[in-house]
Amino acid sequence: GYESLCQGFAPNPTRTLPWTCQGASPLDPDALQRSAFLLNMPVFRLPKENHFPPVELAEPNGLLAVGGDLSVHRLITAYRYGIFPWYAAGEPLLWWSPDPRMILKPAWFHLPKSLRKGLRQGRFLLTLDQAFPEVIQACGETRREKGTWITPEMAAAYIRLHAIGFAHSAEAWQQETTGTRLVGGVYGVTIGGCFFGESMFFREPDASKCAFAFLMATLKQKGFTLIDCQMHTPHLARFGAREVPRSQFLLDLKKALVQPIPQESWRGGASGQLF
């Protein structure tokens, strides 16, 4: 079974939520209280077996459990149940299932005209799975001053998922005199027809937005039906993402998981006219 425990952590006002763009403002105190931090509340300690408590038992801020590990099997199980890990260095491994849930469906996706124009003009070279370790490293580096949940252990865990076709990246490159330079990217986990977004970064204006638009076009082309954005951010809301009750997200997730989409490398890019 599961052991309930009570553990307190001091809030860190400089820590930002997953799946937000670089440069986002720190969360306001109400948001910190509502959706991100442990404030002397009871949570479940995970057993050694690869099990999770029902997500309906999560705290109001979304915290469900503590402990466990970042093995491939546990991570895949967690995502299949609508649960994701998120913790900072020095904290125990924390598992979350927030309510409401921010999601995006291909039919909802909105591509601004200015961004569409830039994509058609080829401002960036856009690729898939060409630099997954570099993307996850860059996502961690761009957040280091504010506090990052992408610890070395987290990065290694997602690189293992990538190696077996369960995690993917989209990259934006800029042509320079010395060659191409990675200037933006996004990565996440895929199971069936759901893409679970994790993080993105940019080093040049619009680079992460173009990588995300390329990712969305690729997901639509491959038959994906759901993108999990985890928690609300204005950045993703501008692309059409919406908050829905966790119960609705879980219904959508159940349908997406049975989509017969292969778990394989995406290297080589997408084909056809995407924009």
C-alpha atoms as a PDB file:
ATOM      1  CA  GLY A   1       0.000   0.000   0.000  1.00  0.00           C
ATOM      2  CA  TYR A   2       0.903   3.658   0.230  1.00  0.00           C
ATOM      3  CA  GLU A   3       2.299   5.394   3.254  1.00  0.00           C
ATOM      4  CA  SER A   4       0.978   8.865   3.964  1.00  0.00           C
ATOM      5  CA  LEU A   5       3.533  11.262   5.381  1.00  0.00           C
ATOM      6  CA  CYS A   6       3.721  14.924   6.291  1.00  0.00           C
ATOM      7  CA  GLN A   7       6.772  16.845   5.108  1.00  0.00           C
ATOM      8  CA  GLY A   8       7.295  20.591   4.962  1.00  0.00           C
ATOM      9  CA  PHE A   9       9.262  22.549   2.380  1.00  0.00           C
ATOM     10  CA  ALA A  10       9.859  26.285   2.319  1.00  0.00           C
ATOM     11  CA  PRO A  11       8.433  27.987  -0.785  1.00  0.00           C
ATOM     12  CA  ASN A  12      10.989  29.166  -3.331  1.00  0.00           C
ATOM     13  CA  PRO A  13       9.530  32.256  -5.046  1.00  0.00           C
ATOM     14  CA  THR A  14      12.086  32.098  -7.880  1.00  0.00           C
ATOM     15  CA  ARG A  15      11.046  28.641  -9.097  1.00  0.00           C
ATOM     16  CA  THR A  16       8.873  28.537 -12.200  1.00  0.00           C
ATOM     17  CA  LEU A  17       6.489  25.920 -13.489  1.00  0.00           C
ATOM     18  CA  PRO A  18       7.372  23.341 -16.141  1.00  0.00           C
ATOM     19  CA  TRP A  19       6.590  23.965 -19.806  1.00  0.00           C
ATOM     20  CA  THR A  20       6.954  27.747 -19.646  1.00  0.00           C
ATOM     21  CA  CYS A  21       9.039  29.863 -21.971  1.00  0.00           C
ATOM     22  CA  GLN A  22      12.355  31.400 -20.985  1.00  0.00           C
ATOM     23  CA  GLY A  23      11.930  34.865 -19.561  1.00  0.00           C
ATOM     24  CA  ALA A  24       8.541  34.218 -17.950  1.00  0.00           C
ATOM     25  CA  SER A  25       7.910  36.258 -14.826  1.00  0.00           C
ATOM     26  CA  PRO A  26       8.136  34.475 -11.457  1.00  0.00           C
ATOM     27  CA  LEU A  27       4.789  33.288 -10.205  1.00  0.00           C
ATOM     28  CA  ASP A  28       2.808  35.585  -7.959  1.00  0.00           C
ATOM     29  CA  PRO A  29       2.339  34.499  -4.312  1.00  0.00           C
ATOM     30  CA  ASP A  30      -1.242  33.303  -4.927  1.00  0.00           C
ATOM     31  CA  ALA A  31      -0.078  31.084  -7.786  1.00  0.00           C
ATOM     32  CA  LEU A  32       2.723  29.672  -5.657  1.00  0.00           C
ATOM     33  CA  GLN A  33       0.218  28.839  -2.949  1.00  0.00           C
ATOM     34  CA  ARG A  34      -2.234  27.364  -5.434  1.00  0.00           C
ATOM     35  CA  SER A  35      -0.176  25.211  -7.729  1.00  0.00           C
ATOM     36  CA  ALA A  36       3.447  24.632  -6.973  1.00  0.00           C
ATOM     37  CA  PHE A  37       4.727  24.171  -3.443  1.00  0.00           C
ATOM     38  CA  LEU A  38       4.546  21.895  -0.470  1.00  0.00           C
ATOM     39  CA  LEU A  39       3.342  23.681   2.643  1.00  0.00           C
ATOM     40  CA  ASN A  40       3.242  21.051   5.418  1.00  0.00           C
ATOM     41  CA  MET A  41       0.657  18.914   3.662  1.00  0.00           C
ATOM     42  CA  PRO A  42       0.193  15.132   3.717  1.00  0.00           C
ATOM     43  CA  VAL A  43       1.307  13.243   0.616  1.00  0.00           C
ATOM     44  CA  PHE A  44       1.758   9.567  -0.319  1.00  0.00           C
ATOM     45  CA  ARG A  45       5.153   7.894  -0.169  1.00  0.00           C
ATOM     46  CA  LEU A  46       5.460   5.563  -3.163  1.00  0.00           C
ATOM     47  CA  PRO A  47       6.209   1.878  -2.578  1.00  0.00           C
ATOM     48  CA  LYS A  48       9.031   0.056  -4.349  1.00  0.00           C
ATOM     49  CA  GLU A  49       6.491  -1.475  -6.714  1.00  0.00           C
ATOM     50  CA  ASN A  50       5.637   0.482  -9.852  1.00  0.00           C
ATOM     51  CA  HIS A  51       2.283   1.820  -8.613  1.00  0.00           C
ATOM     52  CA  PHE A  52       0.708   5.216  -7.969  1.00  0.00           C
ATOM     53  CA  PRO A  53      -2.259   6.230  -5.811  1.00  0.00           C
ATOM     54  CA  PRO A  54      -5.398   7.430  -7.648  1.00  0.00           C
ATOM     55  CA  VAL A  55      -4.937  10.966  -8.958  1.00  0.00           C
ATOM     56  CA  GLU A  56      -8.209  11.959  -7.281  1.00  0.00           C
ATOM     57  CA  LEU A  57      -6.288  11.802  -3.989  1.00  0.00           C
ATOM     58  CA  ALA A  58      -3.893  14.580  -5.044  1.00  0.00           C
ATOM     59  CA  GLU A  59      -3.701  17.719  -2.941  1.00  0.00           C
ATOM     60  CA  PRO A  60      -5.506  20.848  -4.214  1.00  0.00           C
ATOM     61  CA  ASN A  61      -2.202  22.113  -5.644  1.00  0.00           C
ATOM     62  CA  GLY A  62      -1.763  18.886  -7.616  1.00  0.00           C
ATOM     63  CA  LEU A  63       0.827  17.155  -5.442  1.00  0.00           C
ATOM     64  CA  LEU A  64       0.129  13.420  -5.332  1.00  0.00           C
ATOM     65  CA  ALA A  65       3.145  11.482  -4.079  1.00  0.00           C
ATOM     66  CA  VAL A  66       6.787  11.537  -3.063  1.00  0.00           C
ATOM     67  CA  GLY A  67       9.601   9.059  -3.602  1.00  0.00           C
ATOM     68  CA  GLY A  68      10.027   6.264  -6.088  1.00  0.00           C
ATOM     69  CA  ASP A  69      12.530   6.577  -8.904  1.00  0.00           C
ATOM     70  CA  LEU A  70      12.940   7.844 -12.467  1.00  0.00           C
ATOM     71  CA  SER A  71      13.143   4.458 -14.152  1.00  0.00           C
ATOM     72  CA  VAL A  72      11.736   4.094 -17.643  1.00  0.00           C
ATOM     73  CA  HIS A  73       8.891   1.873 -16.460  1.00  0.00           C
ATOM     74  CA  ARG A  74       7.840   4.186 -13.631  1.00  0.00           C
ATOM     75  CA  LEU A  75       7.926   7.268 -15.838  1.00  0.00           C
ATOM     76  CA  ILE A  76       5.828   5.627 -18.558  1.00  0.00           C
ATOM     77  CA  THR A  77       3.352   4.400 -15.941  1.00  0.00           C
ATOM     78  CA  ALA A  78       3.117   7.879 -14.441  1.00  0.00           C
ATOM     79  CA  TYR A  79       2.426   9.599 -17.755  1.00  0.00           C
ATOM     80  CA  ARG A  80      -0.172   7.006 -18.695  1.00  0.00           C
ATOM     81  CA  TYR A  81      -2.069   7.921 -15.519  1.00  0.00           C
ATOM     82  CA  GLY A  82      -1.722  11.677 -16.030  1.00  0.00           C
ATOM     83  CA  ILE A  83       1.079  12.093 -13.476  1.00  0.00           C
ATOM     84  CA  PHE A  84       4.446  13.795 -13.985  1.00  0.00           C
ATOM     85  CA  PRO A  85       7.586  14.348 -11.860  1.00  0.00           C
ATOM     86  CA  TRP A  86       8.678  17.831 -10.838  1.00  0.00           C
ATOM     87  CA  TYR A  87      11.133  18.707  -8.112  1.00  0.00           C
ATOM     88  CA  ALA A  88      14.212  20.838  -7.532  1.00  0.00           C
ATOM     89  CA  ALA A  89      17.707  19.851  -6.474  1.00  0.00           C
ATOM     90  CA  GLY A  90      17.761  19.080  -2.783  1.00  0.00           C
ATOM     91  CA  GLU A  91      14.094  18.064  -2.680  1.00  0.00           C
ATOM     92  CA  PRO A  92      12.743  14.500  -2.767  1.00  0.00           C
ATOM     93  CA  LEU A  93      11.220  13.207  -5.983  1.00  0.00           C
ATOM     94  CA  LEU A  94       7.711  14.690  -6.249  1.00  0.00           C
ATOM     95  CA  TRP A  95       4.823  13.536  -8.458  1.00  0.00           C
ATOM     96  CA  TRP A  96       1.985  15.813  -9.601  1.00  0.00           C
ATOM     97  CA  SER A  97      -1.453  15.650 -11.228  1.00  0.00           C
ATOM     98  CA  PRO A  98      -2.927  19.163 -11.198  1.00  0.00           C
ATOM     99  CA  ASP A  99      -6.593  20.052 -11.544  1.00  0.00           C
ATOM    100  CA  PRO A 100      -7.432  21.834 -13.805  1.00  0.00           C
ATOM    101  CA  ARG A 101      -5.089  20.657 -16.543  1.00  0.00           C
ATOM    102  CA  MET A 102      -3.777  22.755 -19.435  1.00  0.00           C
ATOM    103  CA  ILE A 103      -4.133  20.905 -22.748  1.00  0.00           C
ATOM    104  CA  LEU A 104      -3.929  21.646 -26.448  1.00  0.00           C
ATOM    105  CA  LYS A 105      -5.554  19.772 -29.308  1.00  0.00           C
ATOM    106  CA  PRO A 106      -4.393  20.076 -32.919  1.00  0.00           C
ATOM    107  CA  ALA A 107      -7.742  21.584 -33.942  1.00  0.00           C
ATOM    108  CA  TRP A 108      -7.326  24.322 -31.343  1.00  0.00           C
ATOM    109  CA  PHE A 109      -3.818  25.326 -32.400  1.00  0.00           C
ATOM    110  CA  HIS A 110      -3.503  28.960 -33.453  1.00  0.00           C
ATOM    111  CA  LEU A 111      -0.462  30.069 -35.453  1.00  0.00           C
ATOM    112  CA  PRO A 112      -0.065  33.872 -35.556  1.00  0.00           C
ATOM    113  CA  LYS A 113       0.288  35.316 -39.046  1.00  0.00           C
ATOM    114  CA  SER A 114       3.646  36.919 -38.268  1.00  0.00           C
ATOM    115  CA  LEU A 115       5.048  33.587 -37.100  1.00  0.00           C
ATOM    116  CA  ARG A 116       3.594  31.765 -40.115  1.00  0.00           C
ATOM    117  CA  LYS A 117       5.337  34.250 -42.402  1.00  0.00           C
ATOM    118  CA  GLY A 118       8.660  33.701 -40.669  1.00  0.00           C
ATOM    119  CA  LEU A 119       8.289  29.938 -40.925  1.00  0.00           C
ATOM    120  CA  ARG A 120       7.586  30.068 -44.656  1.00  0.00           C
ATOM    121  CA  GLN A 121      10.561  32.346 -45.196  1.00  0.00           C
ATOM    122  CA  GLY A 122      12.816  29.791 -43.568  1.00  0.00           C
ATOM    123  CA  ARG A 123      14.172  32.026 -40.826  1.00  0.00           C
ATOM    124  CA  PHE A 124      15.299  28.942 -38.901  1.00  0.00           C
ATOM    125  CA  LEU A 125      16.282  25.440 -39.909  1.00  0.00           C
ATOM    126  CA  LEU A 126      13.791  23.187 -38.102  1.00  0.00           C
ATOM    127  CA  THR A 127      14.551  19.575 -37.240  1.00  0.00           C
ATOM    128  CA  LEU A 128      13.270  16.681 -35.129  1.00  0.00           C
ATOM    129  CA  ASP A 129      15.286  14.535 -32.709  1.00  0.00           C
ATOM    130  CA  GLN A 130      18.576  15.890 -34.016  1.00  0.00           C
ATOM    131  CA  ALA A 131      19.829  17.214 -30.669  1.00  0.00           C
ATOM    132  CA  PHE A 132      17.664  15.879 -27.838  1.00  0.00           C
ATOM    133  CA  PRO A 133      20.393  15.924 -25.124  1.00  0.00           C
ATOM    134  CA  GLU A 134      21.413  19.438 -26.155  1.00  0.00           C
ATOM    135  CA  VAL A 135      17.808  20.663 -26.011  1.00  0.00           C
ATOM    136  CA  ILE A 136      17.201  19.312 -22.523  1.00  0.00           C
ATOM    137  CA  GLN A 137      20.544  20.732 -21.368  1.00  0.00           C
ATOM    138  CA  ALA A 138      19.711  24.145 -22.812  1.00  0.00           C
ATOM    139  CA  CYS A 139      16.278  24.110 -21.128  1.00  0.00           C
ATOM    140  CA  GLY A 140      17.996  23.525 -17.797  1.00  0.00           C
ATOM    141  CA  GLU A 141      20.657  26.171 -18.363  1.00  0.00           C
ATOM    142  CA  THR A 142      18.243  28.934 -19.341  1.00  0.00           C
ATOM    143  CA  ARG A 143      16.354  28.404 -16.074  1.00  0.00           C
ATOM    144  CA  ARG A 144      19.295  27.939 -13.743  1.00  0.00           C
ATOM    145  CA  GLU A 145      19.213  31.500 -12.394  1.00  0.00           C
ATOM    146  CA  LYS A 146      15.535  31.097 -11.466  1.00  0.00           C
ATOM    147  CA  GLY A 147      15.858  27.532 -10.257  1.00  0.00           C
ATOM    148  CA  THR A 148      15.416  24.482 -12.479  1.00  0.00           C
ATOM    149  CA  TRP A 149      13.700  21.144 -11.986  1.00  0.00           C
ATOM    150  CA  ILE A 150      15.864  19.670 -14.778  1.00  0.00           C
ATOM    151  CA  THR A 151      18.410  18.056 -12.479  1.00  0.00           C
ATOM    152  CA  PRO A 152      21.132  15.783 -13.916  1.00  0.00           C
ATOM    153  CA  GLU A 153      19.028  12.793 -12.822  1.00  0.00           C
ATOM    154  CA  MET A 154      15.952  14.163 -14.616  1.00  0.00           C
ATOM    155  CA  ALA A 155      17.932  14.869 -17.785  1.00  0.00           C
ATOM    156  CA  ALA A 156      19.399  11.358 -17.783  1.00  0.00           C
ATOM    157  CA  ALA A 157      15.944   9.824 -17.283  1.00  0.00           C
ATOM    158  CA  TYR A 158      14.448  11.632 -20.286  1.00  0.00           C
ATOM    159  CA  ILE A 159      17.473  10.819 -22.434  1.00  0.00           C
ATOM    160  CA  ARG A 160      16.803   7.150 -21.640  1.00  0.00           C
ATOM    161  CA  LEU A 161      13.183   7.614 -22.750  1.00  0.00           C
ATOM    162  CA  HIS A 162      14.417   9.290 -25.930  1.00  0.00           C
ATOM    163  CA  ALA A 163      16.726   6.368 -26.684  1.00  0.00           C
ATOM    164  CA  ILE A 164      13.744   3.989 -26.850  1.00  0.00           C
ATOM    165  CA  GLY A 165      11.414   6.321 -28.769  1.00  0.00           C
ATOM    166  CA  PHE A 166       9.297   7.669 -25.885  1.00  0.00           C
ATOM    167  CA  ALA A 167      10.693  11.226 -25.814  1.00  0.00           C
ATOM    168  CA  HIS A 168      11.277  13.652 -28.666  1.00  0.00           C
ATOM    169  CA  SER A 169      12.551  17.123 -29.437  1.00  0.00           C
ATOM    170  CA  ALA A 170      12.058  19.775 -32.075  1.00  0.00           C
ATOM    171  CA  GLU A 171      14.968  22.105 -32.732  1.00  0.00           C
ATOM    172  CA  ALA A 172      15.463  25.525 -34.307  1.00  0.00           C
ATOM    173  CA  TRP A 173      18.892  26.264 -35.801  1.00  0.00           C
ATOM    174  CA  GLN A 174      20.354  29.508 -37.111  1.00  0.00           C
ATOM    175  CA  GLN A 175      22.820  29.575 -39.971  1.00  0.00           C
ATOM    176  CA  GLU A 176      26.029  31.443 -39.093  1.00  0.00           C
ATOM    177  CA  THR A 177      29.416  31.853 -40.715  1.00  0.00           C
ATOM    178  CA  THR A 178      30.853  29.062 -38.578  1.00  0.00           C
ATOM    179  CA  GLY A 179      27.921  26.722 -39.220  1.00  0.00           C
ATOM    180  CA  THR A 180      24.532  26.171 -37.618  1.00  0.00           C
ATOM    181  CA  ARG A 181      23.827  27.072 -34.003  1.00  0.00           C
ATOM    182  CA  LEU A 182      21.038  25.642 -31.838  1.00  0.00           C
ATOM    183  CA  VAL A 183      18.908  28.645 -30.883  1.00  0.00           C
ATOM    184  CA  GLY A 184      15.632  27.124 -29.717  1.00  0.00           C
ATOM    185  CA  GLY A 185      13.896  23.893 -28.944  1.00  0.00           C
ATOM    186  CA  VAL A 186      11.191  21.976 -27.152  1.00  0.00           C
ATOM    187  CA  TYR A 187      10.986  18.423 -25.801  1.00  0.00           C
ATOM    188  CA  GLY A 188       8.459  16.077 -24.266  1.00  0.00           C
ATOM    189  CA  VAL A 189       7.260  12.508 -23.850  1.00  0.00           C
ATOM    190  CA  THR A 190       5.018  10.584 -26.263  1.00  0.00           C
ATOM    191  CA  ILE A 191       2.770   7.617 -25.552  1.00  0.00           C
ATOM    192  CA  GLY A 192       0.189   6.608 -28.129  1.00  0.00           C
ATOM    193  CA  GLY A 193      -1.374   9.769 -29.514  1.00  0.00           C
ATOM    194  CA  CYS A 194      -0.482  12.065 -26.619  1.00  0.00           C
ATOM    195  CA  PHE A 195       2.505  14.403 -26.434  1.00  0.00           C
ATOM    196  CA  PHE A 196       3.362  15.379 -22.855  1.00  0.00           C
ATOM    197  CA  GLY A 197       5.170  18.709 -23.082  1.00  0.00           C
ATOM    198  CA  GLU A 198       8.053  19.249 -20.682  1.00  0.00           C
ATOM    199  CA  SER A 199      10.082  22.360 -21.489  1.00  0.00           C
ATOM    200  CA  MET A 200      11.306  24.747 -24.159  1.00  0.00           C
ATOM    201  CA  PHE A 201      14.058  27.349 -24.544  1.00  0.00           C
ATOM    202  CA  PHE A 202      15.214  30.081 -26.909  1.00  0.00           C
ATOM    203  CA  ARG A 203      18.431  31.980 -27.593  1.00  0.00           C
ATOM    204  CA  GLU A 204      17.011  34.075 -30.426  1.00  0.00           C
ATOM    205  CA  PRO A 205      13.585  35.749 -30.596  1.00  0.00           C
ATOM    206  CA  ASP A 206      10.799  33.427 -31.834  1.00  0.00           C
ATOM    207  CA  ALA A 207      13.129  30.414 -32.004  1.00  0.00           C
ATOM    208  CA  SER A 208      11.207  28.351 -29.430  1.00  0.00           C
ATOM    209  CA  LYS A 209       7.886  29.450 -30.956  1.00  0.00           C
ATOM    210  CA  CYS A 210       8.972  28.253 -34.395  1.00  0.00           C
ATOM    211  CA  ALA A 211      10.215  24.956 -32.949  1.00  0.00           C
ATOM    212  CA  PHE A 212       6.893  24.533 -31.156  1.00  0.00           C
ATOM    213  CA  ALA A 213       4.907  25.326 -34.306  1.00  0.00           C
ATOM    214  CA  PHE A 214       6.986  22.765 -36.204  1.00  0.00           C
ATOM    215  CA  LEU A 215       6.330  20.256 -33.454  1.00  0.00           C
ATOM    216  CA  MET A 216       2.581  20.916 -33.602  1.00  0.00           C
ATOM    217  CA  ALA A 217       2.529  20.460 -37.365  1.00  0.00           C
ATOM    218  CA  THR A 218       4.442  17.205 -36.974  1.00  0.00           C
ATOM    219  CA  LEU A 219       2.084  15.913 -34.273  1.00  0.00           C
ATOM    220  CA  LYS A 220      -0.927  16.675 -36.441  1.00  0.00           C
ATOM    221  CA  GLN A 221       0.654  14.949 -39.414  1.00  0.00           C
ATOM    222  CA  LYS A 222       1.416  11.837 -37.338  1.00  0.00           C
ATOM    223  CA  GLY A 223      -2.122  11.614 -35.971  1.00  0.00           C
ATOM    224  CA  PHE A 224      -1.653  12.837 -32.396  1.00  0.00           C
ATOM    225  CA  THR A 225      -4.863  13.988 -30.718  1.00  0.00           C
ATOM    226  CA  LEU A 226      -3.716  15.496 -27.411  1.00  0.00           C
ATOM    227  CA  ILE A 227      -0.915  17.695 -26.080  1.00  0.00           C
ATOM    228  CA  ASP A 228      -0.541  17.858 -22.301  1.00  0.00           C
ATOM    229  CA  CYS A 229       0.706  21.295 -21.259  1.00  0.00           C
ATOM    230  CA  GLN A 230       0.440  20.469 -17.525  1.00  0.00           C
ATOM    231  CA  MET A 231      -0.291  23.914 -16.069  1.00  0.00           C
ATOM    232  CA  HIS A 232      -1.582  27.235 -17.383  1.00  0.00           C
ATOM    233  CA  THR A 233       0.856  29.651 -19.004  1.00  0.00           C
ATOM    234  CA  PRO A 234      -0.053  32.739 -21.065  1.00  0.00           C
ATOM    235  CA  HIS A 235       2.581  31.653 -23.600  1.00  0.00           C
ATOM    236  CA  LEU A 236       0.735  28.445 -24.507  1.00  0.00           C
ATOM    237  CA  ALA A 237      -2.694  30.029 -24.153  1.00  0.00           C
ATOM    238  CA  ARG A 238      -1.750  32.292 -27.075  1.00  0.00           C
ATOM    239  CA  PHE A 239      -1.316  29.153 -29.185  1.00  0.00           C
ATOM    240  CA  GLY A 240      -4.785  27.917 -28.260  1.00  0.00           C
ATOM    241  CA  ALA A 241      -4.143  25.802 -25.163  1.00  0.00           C
ATOM    242  CA  ARG A 242      -6.995  25.672 -22.627  1.00  0.00           C
ATOM    243  CA  GLU A 243      -7.552  24.586 -19.058  1.00  0.00           C
ATOM    244  CA  VAL A 244      -9.964  21.674 -18.579  1.00  0.00           C
ATOM    245  CA  PRO A 245     -10.977  19.692 -15.496  1.00  0.00           C
ATOM    246  CA  ARG A 246      -8.584  16.864 -14.711  1.00  0.00           C
ATOM    247  CA  SER A 247     -11.443  14.403 -15.202  1.00  0.00           C
ATOM    248  CA  GLN A 248     -11.866  15.610 -18.798  1.00  0.00           C
ATOM    249  CA  PHE A 249      -8.122  15.450 -19.404  1.00  0.00           C
ATOM    250  CA  LEU A 250      -8.067  11.838 -18.197  1.00  0.00           C
ATOM    251  CA  LEU A 251     -10.894  10.917 -20.570  1.00  0.00           C
ATOM    252  CA  ASP A 252      -9.058  12.549 -23.483  1.00  0.00           C
ATOM    253  CA  LEU A 253      -5.831  10.853 -22.396  1.00  0.00           C
ATOM    254  CA  LYS A 254      -7.467   7.423 -22.303  1.00  0.00           C
ATOM    255  CA  LYS A 255      -8.592   7.860 -25.906  1.00  0.00           C
ATOM    256  CA  ALA A 256      -5.212   9.184 -27.036  1.00  0.00           C
ATOM    257  CA  LEU A 257      -3.224   6.344 -25.469  1.00  0.00           C
ATOM    258  CA  VAL A 258      -4.811   3.731 -27.730  1.00  0.00           C
ATOM    259  CA  GLN A 259      -3.788   5.538 -30.927  1.00  0.00           C
ATOM    260  CA  PRO A 260      -1.523   3.169 -32.908  1.00  0.00           C
ATOM    261  CA  ILE A 261       1.381   5.580 -33.305  1.00  0.00           C
ATOM    262  CA  PRO A 262       4.809   3.858 -33.255  1.00  0.00           C
ATOM    263  CA  GLN A 263       7.332   4.661 -30.541  1.00  0.00           C
ATOM    264  CA  GLU A 264      10.316   5.385 -32.766  1.00  0.00           C
ATOM    265  CA  SER A 265      12.895   8.008 -33.620  1.00  0.00           C
ATOM    266  CA  TRP A 266      11.680  11.089 -35.486  1.00  0.00           C
ATOM    267  CA  ARG A 267      15.064  11.892 -37.007  1.00  0.00           C
ATOM    268  CA  GLY A 268      14.797  12.984 -40.597  1.00  0.00           C
ATOM    269  CA  GLY A 269      12.046  15.547 -40.008  1.00  0.00           C
ATOM    270  CA  ALA A 270       8.479  15.720 -41.258  1.00  0.00           C
ATOM    271  CA  SER A 271       7.475  15.686 -44.870  1.00  0.00           C
ATOM    272  CA  GLY A 272       5.008  17.742 -46.860  1.00  0.00           C
ATOM    273  CA  GLN A 273       3.876  21.368 -46.605  1.00  0.00           C
ATOM    274  CA  LEU A 274       3.539  22.025 -42.885  1.00  0.00           C
ATOM    275  CA  PHE A 275       2.770  25.740 -42.843  1.00  0.00           C
END
